[in-house]
PDB file of N, CA and C in Angstrom:
ATOM      1  N   MET A   1     -11.900  -5.625  11.204  1.00  0.00           N
ATOM      2  CA  MET A   1     -10.545  -5.839  10.731  1.00  0.00           C
ATOM      3  C   MET A   1      -9.857  -4.486  10.575  1.00  0.00           C
ATOM      4  N   PRO A   2      -8.594  -4.442  10.945  1.00  0.00           N
ATOM      5  CA  PRO A   2      -7.871  -3.174  10.849  1.00  0.00           C
ATOM      6  C   PRO A   2      -7.295  -2.897   9.456  1.00  0.00           C
ATOM      7  N   TYR A   3      -6.909  -1.659   9.276  1.00  0.00           N
ATOM      8  CA  TYR A   3      -6.242  -1.195   8.058  1.00  0.00           C
ATOM      9  C   TYR A   3      -4.764  -1.000   8.407  1.00  0.00           C
ATOM     10  N   TYR A   4      -3.891  -1.632   7.651  1.00  0.00           N
ATOM     11  CA  TYR A   4      -2.452  -1.560   7.882  1.00  0.00           C
ATOM     12  C   TYR A   4      -1.818  -0.636   6.855  1.00  0.00           C
ATOM     13  N   VAL A   5      -0.884   0.183   7.309  1.00  0.00           N
ATOM     14  CA  VAL A   5      -0.181   1.111   6.423  1.00  0.00           C
ATOM     15  C   VAL A   5       1.288   0.683   6.371  1.00  0.00           C
ATOM     16  N   TYR A   6       1.789   0.517   5.134  1.00  0.00           N
ATOM     17  CA  TYR A   6       3.166   0.065   4.918  1.00  0.00           C
ATOM     18  C   TYR A   6       3.870   0.929   3.892  1.00  0.00           C
ATOM     19  N   LYS A   7       5.198   0.961   3.978  1.00  0.00           N
ATOM     20  CA  LYS A   7       6.042   1.493   2.912  1.00  0.00           C
ATOM     21  C   LYS A   7       6.476   0.287   2.082  1.00  0.00           C
ATOM     22  N   LEU A   8       6.397   0.405   0.761  1.00  0.00           N
ATOM     23  CA  LEU A   8       6.806  -0.659  -0.149  1.00  0.00           C
ATOM     24  C   LEU A   8       7.960  -0.127  -0.990  1.00  0.00           C
ATOM     25  N   PHE A   9       9.120  -0.774  -0.884  1.00  0.00           N
ATOM     26  CA  PHE A   9      10.323  -0.350  -1.578  1.00  0.00           C
ATOM     27  C   PHE A   9      10.492  -1.110  -2.888  1.00  0.00           C
ATOM     28  N   PRO A  10      11.287  -0.561  -3.833  1.00  0.00           N
ATOM     29  CA  PRO A  10      11.456  -1.211  -5.146  1.00  0.00           C
ATOM     30  C   PRO A  10      11.988  -2.648  -5.070  1.00  0.00           C
ATOM     31  N   ASN A  11      12.768  -2.982  -4.055  1.00  0.00           N
ATOM     32  CA  ASN A  11      13.297  -4.340  -3.922  1.00  0.00           C
ATOM     33  C   ASN A  11      12.290  -5.287  -3.255  1.00  0.00           C
ATOM     34  N   ARG A  12      11.035  -4.848  -3.169  1.00  0.00           N
ATOM     35  CA  ARG A  12       9.918  -5.599  -2.589  1.00  0.00           C
ATOM     36  C   ARG A  12      10.022  -5.752  -1.070  1.00  0.00           C
ATOM     37  N   ALA A  13      10.891  -4.977  -0.442  1.00  0.00           N
ATOM     38  CA  ALA A  13      10.948  -4.940   1.018  1.00  0.00           C
ATOM     39  C   ALA A  13       9.795  -4.057   1.500  1.00  0.00           C
ATOM     40  N   ILE A  14       9.271  -4.375   2.671  1.00  0.00           N
ATOM     41  CA  ILE A  14       8.188  -3.574   3.232  1.00  0.00           C
ATOM     42  C   ILE A  14       8.561  -3.116   4.635  1.00  0.00           C
ATOM     43  N   GLU A  15       7.974  -1.997   5.031  1.00  0.00           N
ATOM     44  CA  GLU A  15       8.200  -1.450   6.361  1.00  0.00           C
ATOM     45  C   GLU A  15       6.851  -1.060   6.957  1.00  0.00           C
ATOM     46  N   TYR A  16       6.507  -1.662   8.074  1.00  0.00           N
ATOM     47  CA  TYR A  16       5.262  -1.359   8.777  1.00  0.00           C
ATOM     48  C   TYR A  16       5.314   0.063   9.302  1.00  0.00           C
ATOM     49  N   ILE A  17       4.226   0.808   9.098  1.00  0.00           N
ATOM     50  CA  ILE A  17       4.137   2.167   9.636  1.00  0.00           C
ATOM     51  C   ILE A  17       3.190   2.186  10.832  1.00  0.00           C
ATOM     52  N   ASN A  18       1.924   1.743  10.616  1.00  0.00           N
ATOM     53  CA  ASN A  18       0.937   1.767  11.699  1.00  0.00           C
ATOM     54  C   ASN A  18      -0.311   1.004  11.247  1.00  0.00           C
ATOM     55  N   ASP A  19      -1.247   0.798  12.165  1.00  0.00           N
ATOM     56  CA  ASP A  19      -2.541   0.219  11.799  1.00  0.00           C
ATOM     57  C   ASP A  19      -3.645   0.979  12.505  1.00  0.00           C
ATOM     58  N   PHE A  20      -4.834   0.954  11.880  1.00  0.00           N
ATOM     59  CA  PHE A  20      -5.983   1.722  12.374  1.00  0.00           C
ATOM     60  C   PHE A  20      -7.255   0.910  12.214  1.00  0.00           C
ATOM     61  N   GLU A  21      -8.228   1.194  13.041  1.00  0.00           N
ATOM     62  CA  GLU A  21      -9.532   0.549  12.923  1.00  0.00           C
ATOM     63  C   GLU A  21     -10.386   1.204  11.845  1.00  0.00           C
ATOM     64  N   SER A  22     -10.127   2.471  11.557  1.00  0.00           N
ATOM     65  CA  SER A  22     -10.936   3.146  10.549  1.00  0.00           C
ATOM     66  C   SER A  22     -10.104   3.463   9.310  1.00  0.00           C
ATOM     67  N   TYR A  23     -10.741   3.352   8.160  1.00  0.00           N
ATOM     68  CA  TYR A  23     -10.076   3.631   6.888  1.00  0.00           C
ATOM     69  C   TYR A  23      -9.657   5.095   6.806  1.00  0.00           C
ATOM     70  N   LYS A  24     -10.501   5.972   7.325  1.00  0.00           N
ATOM     71  CA  LYS A  24     -10.229   7.410   7.256  1.00  0.00           C
ATOM     72  C   LYS A  24      -8.886   7.747   7.904  1.00  0.00           C
ATOM     73  N   GLU A  25      -8.596   7.181   9.060  1.00  0.00           N
ATOM     74  CA  GLU A  25      -7.326   7.433   9.741  1.00  0.00           C
ATOM     75  C   GLU A  25      -6.150   6.857   8.954  1.00  0.00           C
ATOM     76  N   ALA A  26      -6.310   5.640   8.429  1.00  0.00           N
ATOM     77  CA  ALA A  26      -5.245   5.004   7.646  1.00  0.00           C
ATOM     78  C   ALA A  26      -4.965   5.806   6.382  1.00  0.00           C
ATOM     79  N   ARG A  27      -6.016   6.240   5.698  1.00  0.00           N
ATOM     80  CA  ARG A  27      -5.871   7.032   4.474  1.00  0.00           C
ATOM     81  C   ARG A  27      -5.159   8.346   4.769  1.00  0.00           C
ATOM     82  N   SER A  28      -5.514   8.969   5.867  1.00  0.00           N
ATOM     83  CA  SER A  28      -4.899  10.243   6.247  1.00  0.00           C
ATOM     84  C   SER A  28      -3.396  10.070   6.482  1.00  0.00           C
ATOM     85  N   LEU A  29      -3.001   9.034   7.199  1.00  0.00           N
ATOM     86  CA  LEU A  29      -1.584   8.779   7.439  1.00  0.00           C
ATOM     87  C   LEU A  29      -0.867   8.480   6.121  1.00  0.00           C
ATOM     88  N   ALA A  30      -1.486   7.679   5.269  1.00  0.00           N
ATOM     89  CA  ALA A  30      -0.890   7.349   3.972  1.00  0.00           C
ATOM     90  C   ALA A  30      -0.671   8.615   3.145  1.00  0.00           C
ATOM     91  N   ARG A  31      -1.650   9.477   3.104  1.00  0.00           N
ATOM     92  CA  ARG A  31      -1.518  10.730   2.340  1.00  0.00           C
ATOM     93  C   ARG A  31      -0.423  11.622   2.918  1.00  0.00           C
ATOM     94  N   ASP A  32      -0.380  11.735   4.233  1.00  0.00           N
ATOM     95  CA  ASP A  32       0.647  12.560   4.872  1.00  0.00           C
ATOM     96  C   ASP A  32       2.043  11.995   4.610  1.00  0.00           C
ATOM     97  N   THR A  33       2.171  10.680   4.667  1.00  0.00           N
ATOM     98  CA  THR A  33       3.462  10.038   4.422  1.00  0.00           C
ATOM     99  C   THR A  33       3.889  10.229   2.974  1.00  0.00           C
ATOM    100  N   ARG A  34       2.943  10.086   2.042  1.00  0.00           N
ATOM    101  CA  ARG A  34       3.257  10.311   0.626  1.00  0.00           C
ATOM    102  C   ARG A  34       3.701  11.752   0.388  1.00  0.00           C
ATOM    103  N   ALA A  35       3.034  12.694   1.030  1.00  0.00           N
ATOM    104  CA  ALA A  35       3.357  14.104   0.853  1.00  0.00           C
ATOM    105  C   ALA A  35       4.754  14.425   1.382  1.00  0.00           C
ATOM    106  N   ALA A  36       5.203  13.704   2.382  1.00  0.00           N
ATOM    107  CA  ALA A  36       6.519  13.939   2.972  1.00  0.00           C
ATOM    108  C   ALA A  36       7.632  13.181   2.258  1.00  0.00           C
ATOM    109  N   THR A  37       7.286  12.359   1.287  1.00  0.00           N
ATOM    110  CA  THR A  37       8.277  11.553   0.576  1.00  0.00           C
ATOM    111  C   THR A  37       9.149  12.436  -0.305  1.00  0.00           C
ATOM    112  N   THR A  38      10.450  12.206  -0.217  1.00  0.00           N
ATOM    113  CA  THR A  38      11.398  12.909  -1.079  1.00  0.00           C
ATOM    114  C   THR A  38      11.875  11.949  -2.165  1.00  0.00           C
ATOM    115  N   VAL A  39      12.639  12.454  -3.103  1.00  0.00           N
ATOM    116  CA  VAL A  39      13.175  11.606  -4.171  1.00  0.00           C
ATOM    117  C   VAL A  39      14.035  10.492  -3.575  1.00  0.00           C
ATOM    118  N   GLN A  40      14.758  10.797  -2.512  1.00  0.00           N
ATOM    119  CA  GLN A  40      15.600   9.801  -1.868  1.00  0.00           C
ATOM    120  C   GLN A  40      14.782   8.711  -1.172  1.00  0.00           C
ATOM    121  N   GLY A  41      13.518   9.006  -0.867  1.00  0.00           N
ATOM    122  CA  GLY A  41      12.665   8.037  -0.188  1.00  0.00           C
ATOM    123  C   GLY A  41      12.449   6.794  -1.026  1.00  0.00           C
ATOM    124  N   ASN A  42      12.117   6.975  -2.295  1.00  0.00           N
ATOM    125  CA  ASN A  42      11.973   5.883  -3.253  1.00  0.00           C
ATOM    126  C   ASN A  42      11.126   4.717  -2.724  1.00  0.00           C
ATOM    127  N   TYR A  43       9.930   5.015  -2.265  1.00  0.00           N
ATOM    128  CA  TYR A  43       9.007   3.971  -1.817  1.00  0.00           C
ATOM    129  C   TYR A  43       7.578   4.403  -2.113  1.00  0.00           C
ATOM    130  N   LYS A  44       6.682   3.417  -2.085  1.00  0.00           N
ATOM    131  CA  LYS A  44       5.258   3.684  -2.219  1.00  0.00           C
ATOM    132  C   LYS A  44       4.625   3.444  -0.862  1.00  0.00           C
ATOM    133  N   VAL A  45       3.507   4.088  -0.604  1.00  0.00           N
ATOM    134  CA  VAL A  45       2.779   3.877   0.642  1.00  0.00           C
ATOM    135  C   VAL A  45       1.499   3.130   0.302  1.00  0.00           C
ATOM    136  N   LYS A  46       1.264   2.016   0.979  1.00  0.00           N
ATOM    137  CA  LYS A  46       0.100   1.177   0.713  1.00  0.00           C
ATOM    138  C   LYS A  46      -0.736   1.017   1.971  1.00  0.00           C
ATOM    139  N   VAL A  47      -2.058   1.015   1.776  1.00  0.00           N
ATOM    140  CA  VAL A  47      -3.005   0.738   2.859  1.00  0.00           C
ATOM    141  C   VAL A  47      -3.638  -0.607   2.531  1.00  0.00           C
ATOM    142  N   MET A  48      -3.621  -1.517   3.502  1.00  0.00           N
ATOM    143  CA  MET A  48      -4.146  -2.860   3.265  1.00  0.00           C
ATOM    144  C   MET A  48      -5.140  -3.224   4.365  1.00  0.00           C
ATOM    145  N   PHE A  49      -6.300  -3.736   3.961  1.00  0.00           N
ATOM    146  CA  PHE A  49      -7.344  -4.187   4.883  1.00  0.00           C
ATOM    147  C   PHE A  49      -7.167  -5.687   5.065  1.00  0.00           C
ATOM    148  N   ALA A  50      -6.900  -6.139   6.294  1.00  0.00           N
ATOM    149  CA  ALA A  50      -6.618  -7.553   6.511  1.00  0.00           C
ATOM    150  C   ALA A  50      -6.944  -7.962   7.953  1.00  0.00           C
ATOM    151  N   GLU A  51      -7.032  -9.271   8.150  1.00  0.00           N
ATOM    152  CA  GLU A  51      -7.297  -9.834   9.489  1.00  0.00           C
ATOM    153  C   GLU A  51      -6.166  -9.506  10.464  1.00  0.00           C
ATOM    154  N   ASN A  52      -4.910  -9.612   9.971  1.00  0.00           N
ATOM    155  CA  ASN A  52      -3.749  -9.374  10.827  1.00  0.00           C
ATOM    156  C   ASN A  52      -2.575  -8.898   9.976  1.00  0.00           C
ATOM    157  N   SER A  53      -1.478  -8.553  10.626  1.00  0.00           N
ATOM    158  CA  SER A  53      -0.331  -8.000   9.900  1.00  0.00           C
ATOM    159  C   SER A  53       0.291  -9.025   8.955  1.00  0.00           C
ATOM    160  N   ARG A  54       0.282 -10.276   9.321  1.00  0.00           N
ATOM    161  CA  ARG A  54       0.848 -11.319   8.445  1.00  0.00           C
ATOM    162  C   ARG A  54       0.072 -11.390   7.132  1.00  0.00           C
ATOM    163  N   GLU A  55      -1.257 -11.359   7.206  1.00  0.00           N
ATOM    164  CA  GLU A  55      -2.079 -11.384   5.990  1.00  0.00           C
ATOM    165  C   GLU A  55      -1.876 -10.111   5.169  1.00  0.00           C
ATOM    166  N   ALA A  56      -1.781  -8.973   5.830  1.00  0.00           N
ATOM    167  CA  ALA A  56      -1.567  -7.707   5.125  1.00  0.00           C
ATOM    168  C   ALA A  56      -0.248  -7.733   4.358  1.00  0.00           C
ATOM    169  N   GLU A  57       0.807  -8.216   4.990  1.00  0.00           N
ATOM    170  CA  GLU A  57       2.103  -8.300   4.327  1.00  0.00           C
ATOM    171  C   GLU A  57       2.062  -9.258   3.149  1.00  0.00           C
ATOM    172  N   SER A  58       1.378 -10.360   3.310  1.00  0.00           N
ATOM    173  CA  SER A  58       1.250 -11.329   2.217  1.00  0.00           C
ATOM    174  C   SER A  58       0.511 -10.718   1.035  1.00  0.00           C
ATOM    175  N   LEU A  59      -0.559 -10.000   1.309  1.00  0.00           N
ATOM    176  CA  LEU A  59      -1.333  -9.365   0.237  1.00  0.00           C
ATOM    177  C   LEU A  59      -0.527  -8.289  -0.493  1.00  0.00           C
ATOM    178  N   ILE A  60       0.258  -7.526   0.249  1.00  0.00           N
ATOM    179  CA  ILE A  60       1.070  -6.473  -0.362  1.00  0.00           C
ATOM    180  C   ILE A  60       2.133  -7.079  -1.280  1.00  0.00           C
ATOM    181  N   LEU A  61       2.715  -8.196  -0.860  1.00  0.00           N
ATOM    182  CA  LEU A  61       3.809  -8.791  -1.627  1.00  0.00           C
ATOM    183  C   LEU A  61       3.343  -9.706  -2.751  1.00  0.00           C
ATOM    184  N   THR A  62       2.045 -10.008  -2.814  1.00  0.00           N
ATOM    185  CA  THR A  62       1.522 -10.854  -3.882  1.00  0.00           C
ATOM    186  C   THR A  62       1.375 -10.026  -5.152  1.00  0.00           C
ATOM    187  N   PRO A  63       2.062 -10.446  -6.235  1.00  0.00           N
ATOM    188  CA  PRO A  63       1.937  -9.684  -7.487  1.00  0.00           C
ATOM    189  C   PRO A  63       0.498  -9.717  -8.007  1.00  0.00           C
ATOM    190  N   ARG A  64       0.055  -8.584  -8.520  1.00  0.00           N
ATOM    191  CA  ARG A  64      -1.294  -8.486  -9.080  1.00  0.00           C
ATOM    192  C   ARG A  64      -1.207  -8.612 -10.589  1.00  0.00           C
ATOM    193  N   GLU A  65      -2.230  -9.187 -11.172  1.00  0.00           N
ATOM    194  CA  GLU A  65      -2.284  -9.293 -12.619  1.00  0.00           C
ATOM    195  C   GLU A  65      -2.500  -7.913 -13.215  1.00  0.00           C
ATOM    196  N   ARG A  66      -1.900  -7.704 -14.373  1.00  0.00           N
ATOM    197  CA  ARG A  66      -2.112  -6.433 -15.066  1.00  0.00           C
ATOM    198  C   ARG A  66      -3.526  -6.410 -15.625  1.00  0.00           C
ATOM    199  N   PRO A  67      -4.144  -5.255 -15.653  1.00  0.00           N
ATOM    200  CA  PRO A  67      -5.495  -5.170 -16.229  1.00  0.00           C
ATOM    201  C   PRO A  67      -5.433  -5.401 -17.737  1.00  0.00           C
ATOM    202  N   ILE A  68      -6.489  -5.975 -18.267  1.00  0.00           N
ATOM    203  CA  ILE A  68      -6.576  -6.201 -19.703  1.00  0.00           C
ATOM    204  C   ILE A  68      -7.024  -4.910 -20.353  1.00  0.00           C
ATOM    205  N   LEU A  69      -6.249  -4.433 -21.303  1.00  0.00           N
ATOM    206  CA  LEU A  69      -6.588  -3.207 -21.990  1.00  0.00           C
ATOM    207  C   LEU A  69      -7.481  -3.551 -23.189  1.00  0.00           C
ATOM    208  N   MET A  70      -8.566  -2.854 -23.315  1.00  0.00           N
ATOM    209  CA  MET A  70      -9.502  -3.093 -24.424  1.00  0.00           C
ATOM    210  C   MET A  70      -8.975  -2.437 -25.687  1.00  0.00           C
ATOM    211  N   GLU A  71      -9.084  -3.149 -26.781  1.00  0.00           N
ATOM    212  CA  GLU A  71      -8.690  -2.573 -28.063  1.00  0.00           C
ATOM    213  C   GLU A  71      -9.746  -1.569 -28.482  1.00  0.00           C
ATOM    214  N   HIS A  72      -9.315  -0.489 -29.052  1.00  0.00           N
ATOM    215  CA  HIS A  72     -10.237   0.538 -29.530  1.00  0.00           C
ATOM    216  C   HIS A  72     -10.762   0.170 -30.908  1.00  0.00           C
ATOM    217  N   GLU A  73     -12.038   0.280 -31.073  1.00  0.00           N
ATOM    218  CA  GLU A  73     -12.634   0.026 -32.397  1.00  0.00           C
ATOM    219  C   GLU A  73     -12.416   1.251 -33.258  1.00  0.00           C
ATOM    220  N   LYS A  74     -12.128   1.005 -34.538  1.00  0.00           N
ATOM    221  CA  LYS A  74     -11.893   2.118 -35.458  1.00  0.00           C
ATOM    222  C   LYS A  74     -13.079   2.309 -36.374  1.00  0.00           C
TER     223      LYS A  74
END
């Protein structure tokens, strides 16, 4: 299964960048894209492992549950 790289904008719009067979290549592109992001860019870069682009887009747009924070014992 390939790794898909997308830009995710605040309005939940996504933009396909590229896909790769290896995680190392996808991670490298994601890091390079993040490094080139300016304040005007206003997007996040996501790498998604999926069967196809439709599944990758669905996974990116599916809201994730917030992690449960453990209370500290005093």
